[in-house]
Amino acid sequence: MIRKATAKDLDKINLLGETLHHNFKQLFNIQKEIDNSFAIVLINEDNKEINAFLYALDFSDNIDLLSIVVESEYRNKGIAFNLIKYLMNEYCLTKSITLEVAVNNFNALSLYRRLNFKVVNVRKGYYHGVDALLMRWEMKDIYILAIESSCDETSIAIVKNGTTVEAMTILSQMDTHANYGGVVPEIASRMHTENITLVLDETLKKTNINIVDVDAIAVTYKPGLLGSLLVGIEFAKTLAYVYKKPLIKVNHLIGHIYANAIDNKLEFPLLALVVSGGHTELVVMQDHYNFKLLGATLDDAIGEAYDKVARVLNIPYPGGPGIEKKALEGKDTYKLPRPVLDETYNFSYSGLKSQIINIVHNAKQRNELIREADLACSFQQAAVDELVRKLGLALQNTGIKNVIVAGGVSANKYLRQEIKKVSEEYNAKLNIPDFIYCTDNAAMIGAAAYPIYLKKDFADFSLNAESHANIC
């Protein structure tokens, strides 16, 4: 069994190292108080003894491999190879590995070359007069073709290493659905079917990368409109089958979170505020795909509330941007109740929405004029204020210093402004995606698929659509 070492293993590691290298402690001094050092150990399943270990220093963008020690009777069994592969697969999502090796250590050189380490420098006389080769391993660039069709945008993108968008196309159905005041599922799925091959062709025209060049096909499989999701899923399955590529399934909500990884590096631990048409959630991420839900909406999501209030105020679809624009023309003159739910991290927007409906209904009954811009401004401030208060509470209680915002509502400029203020108040680093990556897009799906690709957690062709889902 191979695993990362713990503090309880230190004595055994040092003992094994000292047995095979008399000055091991002086050279490496593996101690639990060294924050950026770690070891990977091989445990004998029979007697639970440590028979081999790898020792390295972990820096922000590189791992410095310092030593591999294998007990004599376990040598020539591929153990060193497996320890390094474990290091690569578990700890090198975005890192390179460097090491030094003597030019006359032919066995080690053969091992490192098998693992695709390349010589980058020579250090003269490094080992008591013997030259050392500085070698580096870097993961090859990974290109993922991603498909997003969960609602009314048909989007395809090619994303490199989960961070760089090589090409993306988004074909929106907004103008069509505006005629109906909202998305009509049957029309949405039919338009996806008509457009998806055209979107693929347009995306490929924007880059010199072809489908045969990509490493995997990723697709949104939940949540969303079932018919729309199925169009994307069946298209992704077809591409994966024809071109013999791994298939990766991606949760749309997690895609919104990973939109923050585009042209940026996620720094953990972080607080993610997810604000969309169907979800309002506060989530802690300790690492990639390590989610802990702090709180969520108990009824309406904030995006849903925006859309319903927009309809009451006769603001055309899409409601969210319409409310934001109208609010700029007004003032906070309506004294609306803040949807405070004690000191939990949960949210509620049904009461605020109902209050707006009642105000409009009562005014109509009395033939009173509704100051639509003022009401939109008052609603927006009440809705966003509660998001900001709960985020501030989470920052205060967790001590986390990294904040990201995800979901379509993160395109709202007033929300961005207020989130920035509370982040600065708690000295937290804030990241919000560029506007193009806030709403539904395939680039975020490609970014979210990258950590899954590295773990080789691929889907099979029985993959189906799911209309409902949460992050955790």
Protein backbone atom coordinates (compact mmCIF):
# COMPACT_ATOMS: atom_id res chain seq x y z
CA MET A 1 0.00 0.00 0.00
CA ILE A 2 1.30 3.44 -0.95
CA ARG A 3 0.11 6.54 0.89
CA LYS A 4 1.25 9.92 2.11
CA ALA A 5 3.19 9.72 5.38
CA THR A 6 1.84 11.16 8.62
CA ALA A 7 3.62 12.52 11.67
CA LYS A 8 3.35 9.05 13.27
CA ASP A 9 5.54 7.66 10.48
CA LEU A 10 8.45 10.05 11.02
CA ASP A 11 10.44 7.89 13.42
CA LYS A 12 10.19 4.84 11.14
CA ILE A 13 11.08 6.91 8.08
CA ASN A 14 14.14 8.41 9.72
CA LEU A 15 15.19 5.01 11.07
CA LEU A 16 14.98 3.43 7.61
CA GLY A 17 16.80 6.38 6.07
CA GLU A 18 19.55 6.28 8.71
CA THR A 19 19.95 2.51 8.26
CA LEU A 20 20.70 2.88 4.58
CA HIS A 21 22.40 6.30 4.69
CA HIS A 22 24.41 7.02 7.84
CA ASN A 23 24.03 10.82 7.47
CA PHE A 24 20.41 10.79 6.36
CA LYS A 25 19.10 12.96 9.22
CA GLN A 26 21.80 15.55 8.68
CA LEU A 27 21.07 15.70 4.98
CA PHE A 28 17.29 15.86 5.07
CA ASN A 29 16.08 16.34 8.66
CA ILE A 30 12.49 15.23 8.04
CA GLN A 31 10.51 16.85 10.81
CA LYS A 32 6.79 17.39 11.25
CA GLU A 33 7.27 21.11 11.79
CA ILE A 34 8.60 21.62 8.25
CA ASP A 35 5.38 22.75 6.58
CA ASN A 36 6.31 22.21 2.96
CA SER A 37 8.01 18.82 3.29
CA PHE A 38 6.27 15.49 2.93
CA ALA A 39 7.00 11.85 2.36
CA ILE A 40 5.21 9.06 0.54
CA VAL A 41 5.62 5.62 2.02
CA LEU A 42 5.21 2.00 0.98
CA ILE A 43 3.60 -0.04 3.74
CA ASN A 44 3.97 -3.83 3.93
CA GLU A 45 0.43 -5.14 4.34
CA ASP A 46 1.62 -8.14 6.35
CA ASN A 47 3.59 -6.47 9.13
CA LYS A 48 2.61 -2.81 8.60
CA GLU A 49 6.27 -1.84 8.39
CA ILE A 50 7.56 0.93 6.14
CA ASN A 51 9.78 -0.66 3.50
CA ALA A 52 10.33 2.33 1.22
CA PHE A 53 9.69 6.03 1.08
CA LEU A 54 10.01 9.07 -1.14
CA TYR A 55 10.90 12.44 0.41
CA ALA A 56 10.21 15.78 -1.29
CA LEU A 57 9.73 19.49 -0.72
CA ASP A 58 6.47 20.97 -1.97
CA PHE A 59 6.66 24.51 -3.33
CA SER A 60 3.90 26.58 -4.92
CA ASP A 61 4.59 25.48 -8.50
CA ASN A 62 7.19 22.73 -8.15
CA ILE A 63 8.00 19.62 -6.13
CA ASP A 64 11.69 19.07 -5.37
CA LEU A 65 12.31 15.32 -5.15
CA LEU A 66 15.17 14.87 -2.68
CA SER A 67 15.40 11.19 -1.85
CA ILE A 68 13.99 7.75 -2.56
CA VAL A 69 14.89 5.01 -0.09
CA VAL A 70 13.99 1.34 -0.66
CA GLU A 71 14.87 -1.46 1.74
CA SER A 72 17.40 -3.85 0.21
CA GLU A 73 15.12 -6.88 -0.15
CA TYR A 74 12.48 -4.76 -1.94
CA ARG A 75 14.72 -3.37 -4.65
CA ASN A 76 14.40 -4.17 -8.35
CA LYS A 77 10.64 -4.63 -7.98
CA GLY A 78 9.49 -1.35 -9.48
CA ILE A 79 8.86 0.25 -6.10
CA ALA A 80 10.72 3.51 -6.81
CA PHE A 81 8.83 3.78 -10.11
CA ASN A 82 5.49 3.33 -8.32
CA LEU A 83 6.36 5.86 -5.60
CA ILE A 84 7.13 8.52 -8.20
CA LYS A 85 3.99 7.68 -10.20
CA TYR A 86 1.97 8.06 -7.02
CA LEU A 87 3.58 11.47 -6.49
CA MET A 88 2.74 12.51 -10.04
CA ASN A 89 -0.87 11.33 -9.91
CA GLU A 90 -1.75 12.64 -6.46
CA TYR A 91 0.24 15.84 -6.00
CA CYS A 92 1.15 17.21 -9.41
CA LEU A 93 -2.11 18.62 -10.75
CA THR A 94 -0.33 21.81 -11.80
CA LYS A 95 3.25 21.23 -10.62
CA SER A 96 6.51 20.09 -12.11
CA ILE A 97 9.03 17.79 -10.38
CA THR A 98 12.77 18.48 -10.25
CA LEU A 99 15.63 16.33 -8.95
CA GLU A 100 19.40 15.91 -9.11
CA VAL A 101 21.08 12.65 -10.02
CA ALA A 102 24.76 11.73 -10.40
CA VAL A 103 25.85 11.18 -14.00
CA ASN A 104 27.21 7.76 -13.07
CA ASN A 105 24.02 6.56 -11.32
CA PHE A 106 22.89 4.62 -14.38
CA ASN A 107 20.00 2.76 -12.71
CA ALA A 108 18.45 5.98 -11.44
CA LEU A 109 18.97 7.71 -14.80
CA SER A 110 17.21 4.85 -16.57
CA LEU A 111 14.29 5.09 -14.12
CA TYR A 112 13.88 8.84 -14.52
CA ARG A 113 14.04 8.67 -18.30
CA ARG A 114 11.32 5.99 -18.30
CA LEU A 115 9.21 8.49 -16.37
CA ASN A 116 9.92 11.21 -18.98
CA PHE A 117 12.23 13.37 -16.87
CA LYS A 118 14.36 15.64 -19.08
CA VAL A 119 17.85 17.01 -18.39
CA VAL A 120 17.66 20.81 -17.99
CA ASN A 121 21.10 21.59 -16.52
CA VAL A 122 24.43 20.09 -15.38
CA ARG A 123 25.91 20.87 -11.97
CA LYS A 124 29.65 20.37 -12.12
CA GLY A 125 31.19 18.42 -9.22
CA TYR A 126 27.92 18.43 -7.29
CA TYR A 127 28.48 15.00 -5.68
CA HIS A 128 32.05 15.18 -4.28
CA GLY A 129 33.53 15.89 -7.69
CA VAL A 130 30.97 13.91 -9.69
CA ASP A 131 28.69 15.94 -11.99
CA ALA A 132 24.96 15.97 -11.31
CA LEU A 133 22.17 16.28 -13.84
CA LEU A 134 19.26 18.54 -12.95
CA MET A 135 16.18 16.81 -14.36
CA ARG A 136 12.61 18.03 -14.66
CA TRP A 137 9.27 16.35 -15.29
CA GLU A 138 6.28 18.33 -16.48
CA MET A 139 2.87 17.01 -17.27
CA LYS A 140 2.11 17.34 -20.96
CA ASP A 141 -0.54 19.83 -21.93
CA ILE A 142 -4.02 18.36 -21.65
CA TYR A 143 -6.69 19.55 -24.08
CA ILE A 144 -10.34 18.91 -23.22
CA LEU A 145 -13.23 19.50 -25.61
CA ALA A 146 -16.17 20.54 -23.43
CA ILE A 147 -19.89 20.71 -24.21
CA GLU A 148 -22.51 22.72 -22.30
CA SER A 149 -26.23 22.47 -23.15
CA SER A 150 -28.01 22.49 -19.80
CA CYS A 151 -30.49 25.26 -20.59
CA ASP A 152 -30.68 27.69 -23.52
CA GLU A 153 -27.05 28.19 -24.53
CA THR A 154 -25.30 25.77 -26.87
CA SER A 155 -21.61 26.08 -26.11
CA ILE A 156 -18.46 24.16 -27.01
CA ALA A 157 -14.91 25.01 -25.92
CA ILE A 158 -11.41 23.58 -26.02
CA VAL A 159 -9.60 24.17 -22.72
CA LYS A 160 -5.90 23.55 -22.04
CA ASN A 161 -4.80 22.32 -18.60
CA GLY A 162 -8.04 23.49 -17.01
CA THR A 163 -7.06 27.15 -17.20
CA THR A 164 -6.52 28.34 -20.77
CA VAL A 165 -9.38 28.68 -23.25
CA GLU A 166 -8.05 27.86 -26.69
CA ALA A 167 -11.40 28.46 -28.38
CA MET A 168 -15.05 28.81 -27.38
CA THR A 169 -18.38 29.37 -29.07
CA ILE A 170 -21.65 30.25 -27.35
CA LEU A 171 -24.89 30.26 -29.31
CA SER A 172 -27.67 31.79 -27.22
CA GLN A 173 -31.38 31.16 -27.66
CA MET A 174 -32.26 34.23 -25.57
CA ASP A 175 -34.04 36.15 -28.32
CA THR A 176 -36.25 33.16 -29.15
CA HIS A 177 -37.30 32.50 -25.55
CA ALA A 178 -37.84 36.21 -24.87
CA ASN A 179 -40.98 35.90 -26.99
CA TYR A 180 -42.41 33.54 -24.35
CA GLY A 181 -41.17 35.34 -21.24
CA GLY A 182 -38.85 32.47 -20.31
CA VAL A 183 -37.19 29.28 -21.51
CA VAL A 184 -39.51 26.76 -23.19
CA PRO A 185 -37.86 23.33 -22.66
CA GLU A 186 -39.12 21.71 -25.86
CA ILE A 187 -37.93 24.60 -28.00
CA ALA A 188 -34.59 24.69 -26.19
CA SER A 189 -33.80 21.02 -26.83
CA ARG A 190 -34.87 21.28 -30.50
CA MET A 191 -32.60 24.28 -31.03
CA HIS A 192 -29.67 22.50 -29.35
CA THR A 193 -30.15 19.63 -31.80
CA GLU A 194 -30.16 22.01 -34.75
CA ASN A 195 -27.16 24.04 -33.62
CA ILE A 196 -24.69 21.77 -31.85
CA THR A 197 -22.76 20.58 -34.92
CA LEU A 198 -22.57 24.17 -36.18
CA VAL A 199 -21.18 25.27 -32.81
CA LEU A 200 -18.55 22.52 -32.95
CA ASP A 201 -17.49 23.56 -36.45
CA GLU A 202 -17.25 27.21 -35.42
CA THR A 203 -15.15 26.34 -32.37
CA LEU A 204 -12.70 24.24 -34.38
CA LYS A 205 -12.30 27.05 -36.92
CA LYS A 206 -10.95 29.28 -34.13
CA THR A 207 -7.96 27.05 -33.36
CA ASN A 208 -5.54 24.67 -35.07
CA ILE A 209 -6.57 21.92 -32.62
CA ASN A 210 -8.75 19.15 -34.04
CA ILE A 211 -10.85 16.55 -32.27
CA VAL A 212 -8.17 13.92 -32.84
CA ASP A 213 -5.75 16.14 -30.88
CA VAL A 214 -7.83 16.50 -27.70
CA ASP A 215 -7.32 14.22 -24.71
CA ALA A 216 -10.92 13.91 -23.54
CA ILE A 217 -14.54 14.92 -24.17
CA ALA A 218 -16.36 16.57 -21.25
CA VAL A 219 -20.06 17.31 -20.98
CA THR A 220 -22.58 18.75 -18.53
CA TYR A 221 -24.85 15.97 -17.26
CA LYS A 222 -26.65 17.70 -14.37
CA PRO A 223 -28.56 19.79 -13.34
CA GLY A 224 -30.64 21.36 -16.09
CA LEU A 225 -33.45 20.75 -18.55
CA LEU A 226 -33.51 17.04 -19.33
CA GLY A 227 -34.05 17.42 -23.07
CA SER A 228 -31.29 20.01 -23.38
CA LEU A 229 -28.85 17.95 -21.33
CA LEU A 230 -29.53 14.85 -23.39
CA VAL A 231 -28.61 16.61 -26.63
CA GLY A 232 -25.19 17.50 -25.24
CA ILE A 233 -24.65 14.09 -23.63
CA GLU A 234 -25.49 12.09 -26.75
CA PHE A 235 -23.28 14.36 -28.85
CA ALA A 236 -20.41 13.93 -26.37
CA LYS A 237 -20.86 10.15 -26.33
CA THR A 238 -20.76 10.05 -30.11
CA LEU A 239 -17.54 12.08 -30.28
CA ALA A 240 -15.94 9.99 -27.52
CA TYR A 241 -16.87 6.75 -29.29
CA VAL A 242 -15.86 7.77 -32.80
CA TYR A 243 -12.56 9.37 -31.78
CA LYS A 244 -11.84 6.90 -28.95
CA LYS A 245 -11.54 9.59 -26.27
CA PRO A 246 -12.30 9.35 -22.53
CA LEU A 247 -15.69 10.74 -21.53
CA ILE A 248 -15.92 13.07 -18.50
CA LYS A 249 -19.19 14.01 -16.83
CA VAL A 250 -19.38 17.41 -15.12
CA ASN A 251 -21.84 18.88 -12.63
CA HIS A 252 -22.97 22.23 -14.06
CA LEU A 253 -22.80 23.93 -10.63
CA ILE A 254 -19.23 22.76 -10.09
CA GLY A 255 -18.53 24.09 -13.56
CA HIS A 256 -19.56 27.55 -12.37
CA ILE A 257 -17.10 27.26 -9.48
CA TYR A 258 -14.28 26.21 -11.80
CA ALA A 259 -14.96 29.21 -14.05
CA ASN A 260 -12.78 30.90 -11.45
CA ALA A 261 -9.86 28.67 -12.50
CA ILE A 262 -9.79 30.11 -16.03
CA ASP A 263 -6.63 32.24 -16.37
CA ASN A 264 -6.28 31.89 -12.62
CA LYS A 265 -5.18 29.45 -9.93
CA LEU A 266 -7.62 28.35 -7.24
CA GLU A 267 -6.07 28.89 -3.82
CA PHE A 268 -7.30 26.60 -1.04
CA PRO A 269 -9.00 26.66 1.34
CA LEU A 270 -11.60 28.93 -0.20
CA LEU A 271 -15.18 30.05 0.30
CA ALA A 272 -17.38 29.74 -2.79
CA LEU A 273 -20.57 31.77 -3.01
CA VAL A 274 -22.77 30.13 -5.65
CA VAL A 275 -25.51 32.41 -6.99
CA SER A 276 -27.60 31.25 -9.92
CA GLY A 277 -31.14 30.83 -11.13
CA GLY A 278 -31.60 27.60 -9.21
CA HIS A 279 -29.06 27.75 -6.39
CA THR A 280 -27.78 29.99 -3.63
CA GLU A 281 -25.09 28.23 -1.60
CA LEU A 282 -22.05 28.90 0.56
CA VAL A 283 -19.44 26.17 0.14
CA VAL A 284 -15.99 25.54 1.59
CA MET A 285 -13.41 23.93 -0.69
CA GLN A 286 -10.34 22.47 1.01
CA ASP A 287 -8.95 21.15 -2.27
CA HIS A 288 -10.07 20.18 -5.76
CA TYR A 289 -13.48 18.48 -5.57
CA ASN A 290 -13.44 18.61 -1.77
CA PHE A 291 -16.68 20.41 -0.93
CA LYS A 292 -18.39 21.15 2.36
CA LEU A 293 -21.77 22.86 2.28
CA LEU A 294 -22.13 25.63 4.87
CA GLY A 295 -25.58 26.79 3.87
CA ALA A 296 -28.09 27.05 1.06
CA THR A 297 -31.41 28.63 0.19
CA LEU A 298 -34.40 27.17 1.99
CA ASP A 299 -36.78 28.14 -0.81
CA ASP A 300 -36.16 30.39 -3.82
CA ALA A 301 -32.67 30.95 -5.20
CA ILE A 302 -31.56 34.53 -5.69
CA GLY A 303 -31.61 34.24 -9.48
CA GLU A 304 -35.13 32.81 -9.38
CA ALA A 305 -36.23 35.73 -7.19
CA TYR A 306 -34.76 38.21 -9.69
CA ASP A 307 -36.68 36.58 -12.54
CA LYS A 308 -40.00 36.48 -10.68
CA VAL A 309 -39.73 40.07 -9.50
CA ALA A 310 -38.87 41.11 -13.06
CA ARG A 311 -42.09 39.51 -14.33
CA VAL A 312 -44.12 41.34 -11.68
CA LEU A 313 -42.53 44.62 -12.78
CA ASN A 314 -43.09 43.82 -16.48
CA ILE A 315 -39.35 43.75 -17.15
CA PRO A 316 -38.63 41.61 -20.25
CA TYR A 317 -36.74 38.31 -20.14
CA PRO A 318 -34.01 37.79 -19.03
CA GLY A 319 -35.12 39.26 -15.74
CA GLY A 320 -31.84 39.45 -13.83
CA PRO A 321 -30.03 41.90 -16.13
CA GLY A 322 -33.29 43.84 -16.53
CA ILE A 323 -33.66 44.33 -12.77
CA GLU A 324 -30.02 45.40 -12.50
CA LYS A 325 -30.45 47.97 -15.26
CA LYS A 326 -33.72 49.30 -13.85
CA ALA A 327 -32.22 49.54 -10.34
CA LEU A 328 -29.59 51.97 -11.61
CA GLU A 329 -32.41 54.43 -12.39
CA GLY A 330 -33.94 54.26 -8.90
CA LYS A 331 -33.33 54.71 -5.20
CA ASP A 332 -33.84 52.45 -2.19
CA THR A 333 -37.10 54.05 -1.09
CA TYR A 334 -39.20 50.94 -0.40
CA LYS A 335 -38.50 49.59 3.08
CA LEU A 336 -38.35 45.90 2.36
CA PRO A 337 -37.71 43.25 5.03
CA ARG A 338 -34.24 41.70 4.95
CA PRO A 339 -34.55 37.91 4.72
CA VAL A 340 -32.53 37.32 7.89
CA LEU A 341 -32.54 33.75 9.16
CA ASP A 342 -30.52 34.07 12.39
CA GLU A 343 -26.80 33.34 12.38
CA THR A 344 -26.87 30.30 10.10
CA TYR A 345 -25.46 30.36 6.59
CA ASN A 346 -28.84 29.62 5.00
CA PHE A 347 -30.77 31.96 2.74
CA SER A 348 -34.42 32.66 1.94
CA TYR A 349 -35.87 34.74 -0.86
CA SER A 350 -39.52 33.66 -1.03
CA GLY A 351 -40.58 36.22 1.59
CA LEU A 352 -38.82 39.07 -0.19
CA LYS A 353 -40.37 38.01 -3.51
CA SER A 354 -43.82 37.78 -1.93
CA GLN A 355 -43.43 41.23 -0.41
CA ILE A 356 -42.76 42.70 -3.87
CA ILE A 357 -45.80 40.89 -5.29
CA ASN A 358 -47.98 42.25 -2.46
CA ILE A 359 -46.71 45.81 -2.94
CA VAL A 360 -47.50 45.71 -6.65
CA HIS A 361 -50.88 44.02 -6.12
CA ASN A 362 -51.98 46.47 -3.42
CA ALA A 363 -50.88 49.46 -5.46
CA LYS A 364 -52.92 48.26 -8.44
CA GLN A 365 -55.95 47.77 -6.22
CA ARG A 366 -55.65 51.38 -5.05
CA ASN A 367 -54.73 52.68 -8.53
CA GLU A 368 -51.42 53.93 -7.14
CA LEU A 369 -48.35 54.45 -9.28
CA ILE A 370 -45.57 51.91 -8.82
CA ARG A 371 -42.14 53.49 -8.86
CA GLU A 372 -40.63 50.54 -10.73
CA ALA A 373 -37.04 51.77 -10.69
CA ASP A 374 -37.17 52.44 -6.95
CA LEU A 375 -38.77 49.07 -6.26
CA ALA A 376 -36.14 47.30 -8.39
CA CYS A 377 -33.38 49.16 -6.53
CA SER A 378 -34.88 48.33 -3.12
CA PHE A 379 -35.28 44.67 -4.06
CA GLN A 380 -31.73 44.37 -5.35
CA GLN A 381 -30.22 45.95 -2.24
CA ALA A 382 -32.26 43.73 0.09
CA ALA A 383 -31.38 40.58 -1.88
CA VAL A 384 -27.67 41.31 -2.12
CA ASP A 385 -27.33 42.63 1.44
CA GLU A 386 -28.21 39.21 2.84
CA LEU A 387 -25.67 37.48 0.60
CA VAL A 388 -23.00 39.89 1.77
CA ARG A 389 -23.93 39.51 5.44
CA LYS A 390 -23.81 35.72 5.32
CA LEU A 391 -20.51 35.76 3.42
CA GLY A 392 -19.06 38.10 6.04
CA LEU A 393 -20.27 35.77 8.79
CA ALA A 394 -18.56 32.83 7.09
CA LEU A 395 -15.31 34.77 6.65
CA GLN A 396 -15.37 35.76 10.29
CA ASN A 397 -16.10 32.28 11.63
CA THR A 398 -13.87 30.22 9.32
CA GLY A 399 -10.89 32.53 9.00
CA ILE A 400 -10.62 31.59 5.31
CA LYS A 401 -8.87 34.22 3.20
CA ASN A 402 -9.87 33.23 -0.33
CA VAL A 403 -13.29 33.97 -1.81
CA ILE A 404 -14.75 33.10 -5.20
CA VAL A 405 -18.19 33.88 -6.62
CA ALA A 406 -19.86 31.55 -9.10
CA GLY A 407 -23.04 31.37 -11.14
CA GLY A 408 -24.96 33.59 -13.51
CA VAL A 409 -25.86 36.19 -10.88
CA SER A 410 -22.12 36.82 -10.33
CA ALA A 411 -22.31 38.96 -13.49
CA ASN A 412 -24.36 41.49 -11.50
CA LYS A 413 -22.19 44.60 -11.00
CA TYR A 414 -23.86 45.68 -7.75
CA LEU A 415 -23.27 42.20 -6.30
CA ARG A 416 -19.62 42.35 -7.36
CA GLN A 417 -19.20 45.74 -5.74
CA GLU A 418 -20.67 44.67 -2.41
CA ILE A 419 -18.81 41.33 -2.32
CA LYS A 420 -15.58 43.21 -2.94
CA LYS A 421 -16.28 45.45 0.05
CA VAL A 422 -16.87 42.59 2.49
CA SER A 423 -13.84 40.68 1.19
CA GLU A 424 -11.63 43.71 1.76
CA GLU A 425 -13.11 44.13 5.25
CA TYR A 426 -11.87 40.65 6.19
CA ASN A 427 -8.60 40.92 4.20
CA ALA A 428 -9.73 38.11 1.90
CA LYS A 429 -8.58 37.66 -1.69
CA LEU A 430 -11.55 37.79 -4.05
CA ASN A 431 -11.87 36.23 -7.49
CA ILE A 432 -14.88 36.59 -9.79
CA PRO A 433 -14.76 35.27 -13.36
CA ASP A 434 -14.83 37.53 -16.39
CA PHE A 435 -18.40 38.28 -17.45
CA ILE A 436 -18.30 35.82 -20.35
CA TYR A 437 -17.57 32.96 -17.93
CA CYS A 438 -20.28 33.89 -15.40
CA THR A 439 -23.24 32.74 -17.45
CA ASP A 440 -23.52 29.27 -18.96
CA ASN A 441 -20.50 28.40 -21.11
CA ALA A 442 -18.45 25.36 -22.08
CA ALA A 443 -15.11 26.77 -20.92
CA MET A 444 -16.11 26.33 -17.27
CA ILE A 445 -17.04 22.71 -18.01
CA GLY A 446 -13.60 22.12 -19.50
CA ALA A 447 -11.97 23.71 -16.45
CA ALA A 448 -14.00 21.54 -14.07
CA ALA A 449 -13.21 18.42 -16.10
CA TYR A 450 -9.43 18.84 -15.78
CA PRO A 451 -9.02 17.56 -12.17
CA ILE A 452 -11.32 14.66 -13.06
CA TYR A 453 -9.13 13.85 -16.05
CA LEU A 454 -6.01 13.80 -13.88
CA LYS A 455 -7.64 11.25 -11.59
CA LYS A 456 -8.80 9.19 -14.59
CA ASP A 457 -12.36 9.17 -13.24
CA PHE A 458 -14.04 8.65 -16.59
CA ALA A 459 -17.70 8.00 -17.37
CA ASP A 460 -19.01 5.13 -19.47
CA PHE A 461 -21.57 5.20 -22.26
CA SER A 462 -24.46 4.54 -19.88
CA LEU A 463 -24.19 8.19 -18.79
CA ASN A 464 -27.61 9.83 -18.53
CA ALA A 465 -28.99 13.26 -17.73
CA GLU A 466 -30.18 14.36 -14.29
CA SER A 467 -32.43 17.38 -13.90
CA HIS A 468 -31.68 18.13 -10.25
CA ALA A 469 -28.40 18.28 -8.34
CA ASN A 470 -26.46 20.11 -5.66
CA ILE A 471 -22.74 20.66 -5.32
CA CYS A 472 -22.29 18.44 -2.27
